[in-house]
Amino acid sequence: MRIEIEGLDDFRNAGDANKARAAISSALNKTARATRAEAQRQIRARYTVKSALIRKRSFLKKSTKNTLKASVWFGGDPIGSQYFQIGQNRRAAWARIKKGSRVVFDRAFKWKNAAGRMMLLQRKTSAGNSKLRDPVRDVERPSVAKMAMDGYGAIRRATDAALARNMRAEFDYRFRARR
C-alpha cells in the first residue's frame, strides 16, 4: 500500500513563492506523519500486532521545497506467527491474528525457534500418496501492507482531513502579519 500526498503547484496568490513552497513542504510532512499514525491505529484496532512491529515496516519519504511530494508506504514480508498469540491442543493449532477471533490451522503444531520464541509450523500438503514426510513452513499470515489495506478508507479520510488542516495552519503561520 502506498499513499502519496502532493502539494499545490500554483503560488500566484501566496505572495513569496519560496515561503509558500516551505509551507507546503512542512504541511505535507506533517500530514505524512499523521497518515502513518492513523494507519497504525487502524491496524491495531483490527489485528493483534504490536505498534513497534508496524513502525518497523512502515516507511516515510519526506517532502522538500523542490519535490513537494511526501509518501508513506508499508512493506516487508508477512509477519511471523511468533508475533501473534498461538495455542495448540490435541486436535488443532490456532493463532489469534485478528482481534476477537481465532484461526485454526490444519496439520499445524507449535515449535520453539532458535531465538526461543514459540511459533506455528504447518506441514505442506503433498500431491499423491508419498511415504516421505512433507516439509514444514510457517503458517499463512498477513503482512503489514495487507493489514493497512483493510483500513484504507478510514486512513484516506484522515489523510485528507489532516492535509487540509495542516495546509491552513502552515499558511496562517508563515504568512500572518507580523506585529
Protein backbone atom coordinates (compact mmCIF):
# COMPACT_ATOMS: atom_id res chain seq x y z
CA MET A 1 0.00 0.00 0.00
CA ARG A 2 1.32 3.44 -0.85
CA ILE A 3 -0.25 6.83 -0.14
CA GLU A 4 1.25 9.82 -1.92
CA ILE A 5 0.43 13.38 -0.99
CA GLU A 6 1.27 16.11 -3.47
CA GLY A 7 1.42 19.83 -2.84
CA LEU A 8 -0.01 22.75 -4.76
CA ASP A 9 1.71 23.94 -7.89
CA ASP A 10 0.02 27.36 -8.11
CA PHE A 11 1.69 30.02 -5.91
CA ARG A 12 0.29 33.17 -7.53
CA ASN A 13 -1.92 34.11 -4.58
CA ALA A 14 0.58 33.13 -1.90
CA GLY A 15 2.97 36.04 -2.29
CA ASP A 16 6.51 34.80 -1.77
CA ALA A 17 6.90 31.53 -3.73
CA ASN A 18 9.82 30.31 -1.59
CA LYS A 19 7.82 30.74 1.62
CA ALA A 20 4.83 29.03 0.03
CA ARG A 21 6.94 26.05 -1.04
CA ALA A 22 8.33 25.76 2.50
CA ALA A 23 4.82 25.92 3.97
CA ILE A 24 3.52 23.25 1.61
CA SER A 25 6.52 21.00 2.25
CA SER A 26 6.07 21.32 6.01
CA ALA A 27 2.32 20.61 5.74
CA LEU A 28 2.96 17.55 3.58
CA ASN A 29 5.50 16.15 6.05
CA LYS A 30 3.12 16.66 8.99
CA THR A 31 0.34 15.01 7.01
CA ALA A 32 2.56 12.03 6.14
CA ARG A 33 3.40 11.52 9.82
CA ALA A 34 -0.30 11.76 10.70
CA THR A 35 -1.14 9.24 7.96
CA ARG A 36 1.38 6.76 9.33
CA ALA A 37 -0.01 7.20 12.85
CA GLU A 38 -3.61 6.74 11.64
CA ALA A 39 -2.66 3.59 9.73
CA GLN A 40 -1.04 2.27 12.88
CA ARG A 41 -4.26 2.98 14.83
CA GLN A 42 -6.40 1.27 12.19
CA ILE A 43 -4.16 -1.82 12.14
CA ARG A 44 -4.10 -2.06 15.94
CA ALA A 45 -7.90 -1.77 16.04
CA ARG A 46 -8.30 -4.88 13.87
CA TYR A 47 -5.20 -7.02 14.43
CA THR A 48 -3.29 -8.29 17.46
CA VAL A 49 0.12 -6.99 16.40
CA LYS A 50 2.33 -4.61 18.35
CA SER A 51 2.89 -1.00 17.31
CA ALA A 52 6.68 -1.36 17.20
CA LEU A 53 6.40 -4.05 14.53
CA ILE A 54 4.12 -1.83 12.44
CA ARG A 55 6.53 1.11 12.78
CA LYS A 56 9.45 -1.05 11.63
CA ARG A 57 7.60 -1.99 8.46
CA SER A 58 6.27 1.46 7.59
CA PHE A 59 8.35 3.88 5.56
CA LEU A 60 8.10 7.62 5.10
CA LYS A 61 9.67 9.72 2.37
CA LYS A 62 9.66 13.39 3.27
CA SER A 63 8.83 16.32 1.06
CA THR A 64 11.32 19.05 0.23
CA LYS A 65 10.79 22.55 -1.11
CA ASN A 66 11.76 21.28 -4.56
CA THR A 67 9.83 17.99 -4.76
CA LEU A 68 6.59 18.84 -2.88
CA LYS A 69 5.70 15.17 -2.58
CA ALA A 70 5.60 13.01 0.55
CA SER A 71 4.99 9.24 0.60
CA VAL A 72 4.00 6.72 3.22
CA TRP A 73 4.17 3.03 2.39
CA PHE A 74 4.12 -0.29 4.17
CA GLY A 75 6.23 -3.23 3.18
CA GLY A 76 8.03 -6.27 4.37
CA ASP A 77 7.31 -9.96 4.41
CA PRO A 78 4.30 -11.41 6.16
CA ILE A 79 4.60 -11.17 9.93
CA GLY A 80 5.82 -14.38 11.54
CA SER A 81 3.47 -16.43 13.71
CA GLN A 82 5.74 -15.83 16.72
CA TYR A 83 4.34 -12.28 16.95
CA PHE A 84 0.76 -13.49 17.49
CA GLN A 85 -0.84 -15.36 20.38
CA ILE A 86 -0.78 -19.06 19.47
CA GLY A 87 -2.01 -22.27 21.04
CA GLN A 88 -2.35 -25.97 20.44
CA ASN A 89 -4.48 -28.78 21.80
CA ARG A 90 -4.82 -32.42 20.75
CA ARG A 91 -6.95 -31.67 17.72
CA ALA A 92 -5.58 -28.44 16.22
CA ALA A 93 -3.26 -25.47 16.47
CA TRP A 94 -4.57 -21.90 16.30
CA ALA A 95 -3.45 -18.27 16.25
CA ARG A 96 -5.18 -15.02 17.18
CA ILE A 97 -4.38 -12.82 14.21
CA LYS A 98 -7.47 -10.64 14.17
CA LYS A 99 -8.95 -9.33 17.39
CA GLY A 100 -11.84 -11.38 18.68
CA SER A 101 -11.26 -14.48 16.56
CA ARG A 102 -9.00 -17.48 16.27
CA VAL A 103 -7.75 -19.04 13.06
CA VAL A 104 -7.39 -22.82 13.22
CA PHE A 105 -4.66 -24.35 11.06
CA ASP A 106 -4.82 -27.89 9.73
CA ARG A 107 -1.71 -30.07 10.23
CA ALA A 108 -0.03 -27.35 12.33
CA PHE A 109 1.96 -27.56 15.56
CA LYS A 110 3.81 -25.29 17.99
CA TRP A 111 7.59 -25.16 17.83
CA LYS A 112 10.26 -23.14 19.63
CA ASN A 113 12.61 -21.43 17.18
CA ALA A 114 16.33 -20.75 17.71
CA ALA A 115 15.57 -17.39 19.39
CA GLY A 116 13.37 -19.16 21.94
CA ARG A 117 10.05 -17.84 20.60
CA MET A 118 7.08 -20.12 20.08
CA MET A 119 5.73 -20.23 16.54
CA LEU A 120 3.29 -22.30 14.49
CA LEU A 121 4.59 -24.53 11.74
CA GLN A 122 2.44 -26.35 9.23
CA ARG A 123 3.13 -29.36 7.04
CA LYS A 124 2.60 -28.62 3.38
CA THR A 125 0.08 -30.87 1.71
CA SER A 126 1.65 -33.04 -0.94
CA ALA A 127 0.14 -34.25 -4.15
CA GLY A 128 -0.07 -38.00 -4.24
CA ASN A 129 0.46 -40.57 -1.56
CA SER A 130 4.07 -40.05 -0.53
CA LYS A 131 5.64 -42.04 2.27
CA LEU A 132 8.13 -39.20 2.88
CA ARG A 133 7.34 -36.52 5.41
CA ASP A 134 6.16 -33.27 3.90
CA PRO A 135 8.28 -30.16 4.52
CA VAL A 136 7.19 -27.65 7.16
CA ARG A 137 6.65 -23.90 6.78
CA ASP A 138 5.36 -21.06 8.88
CA VAL A 139 1.58 -20.78 8.79
CA GLU A 140 -0.04 -18.25 6.43
CA ARG A 141 -0.28 -14.79 7.94
CA PRO A 142 -0.77 -11.23 6.69
CA SER A 143 1.83 -8.56 6.00
CA VAL A 144 1.59 -5.02 7.38
CA ALA A 145 0.68 -3.76 3.89
CA LYS A 146 -2.27 -6.17 3.75
CA MET A 147 -3.35 -5.08 7.24
CA ALA A 148 -3.21 -1.42 6.23
CA MET A 149 -5.31 -2.09 3.12
CA ASP A 150 -8.12 -3.36 5.37
CA GLY A 151 -8.44 0.13 6.85
CA TYR A 152 -7.65 2.10 3.69
CA GLY A 153 -10.91 4.08 3.60
CA ALA A 154 -10.51 5.41 7.13
CA ILE A 155 -6.83 6.15 6.56
CA ARG A 156 -7.59 8.07 3.36
CA ARG A 157 -10.32 10.16 5.04
CA ALA A 158 -7.97 11.00 7.92
CA THR A 159 -5.22 11.93 5.43
CA ASP A 160 -7.49 14.30 3.51
CA ALA A 161 -8.66 16.00 6.71
CA ALA A 162 -5.10 16.28 8.05
CA LEU A 163 -3.83 17.74 4.76
CA ALA A 164 -6.47 20.49 4.73
CA ARG A 165 -5.84 21.29 8.42
CA ASN A 166 -2.05 21.32 8.05
CA MET A 167 -2.08 23.45 4.88
CA ARG A 168 -4.30 26.04 6.54
CA ALA A 169 -2.15 26.07 9.71
CA GLU A 170 1.15 26.36 7.83
CA PHE A 171 -0.03 29.17 5.54
CA ASP A 172 -1.51 31.03 8.52
CA TYR A 173 1.77 30.67 10.41
CA ARG A 174 4.11 31.68 7.57
CA PHE A 175 2.02 34.45 6.01
CA ARG A 176 0.34 36.07 9.00
CA ALA A 177 1.02 39.76 9.53
CA ARG A 178 3.90 40.34 11.92
CA ARG A 179 3.09 42.81 14.67
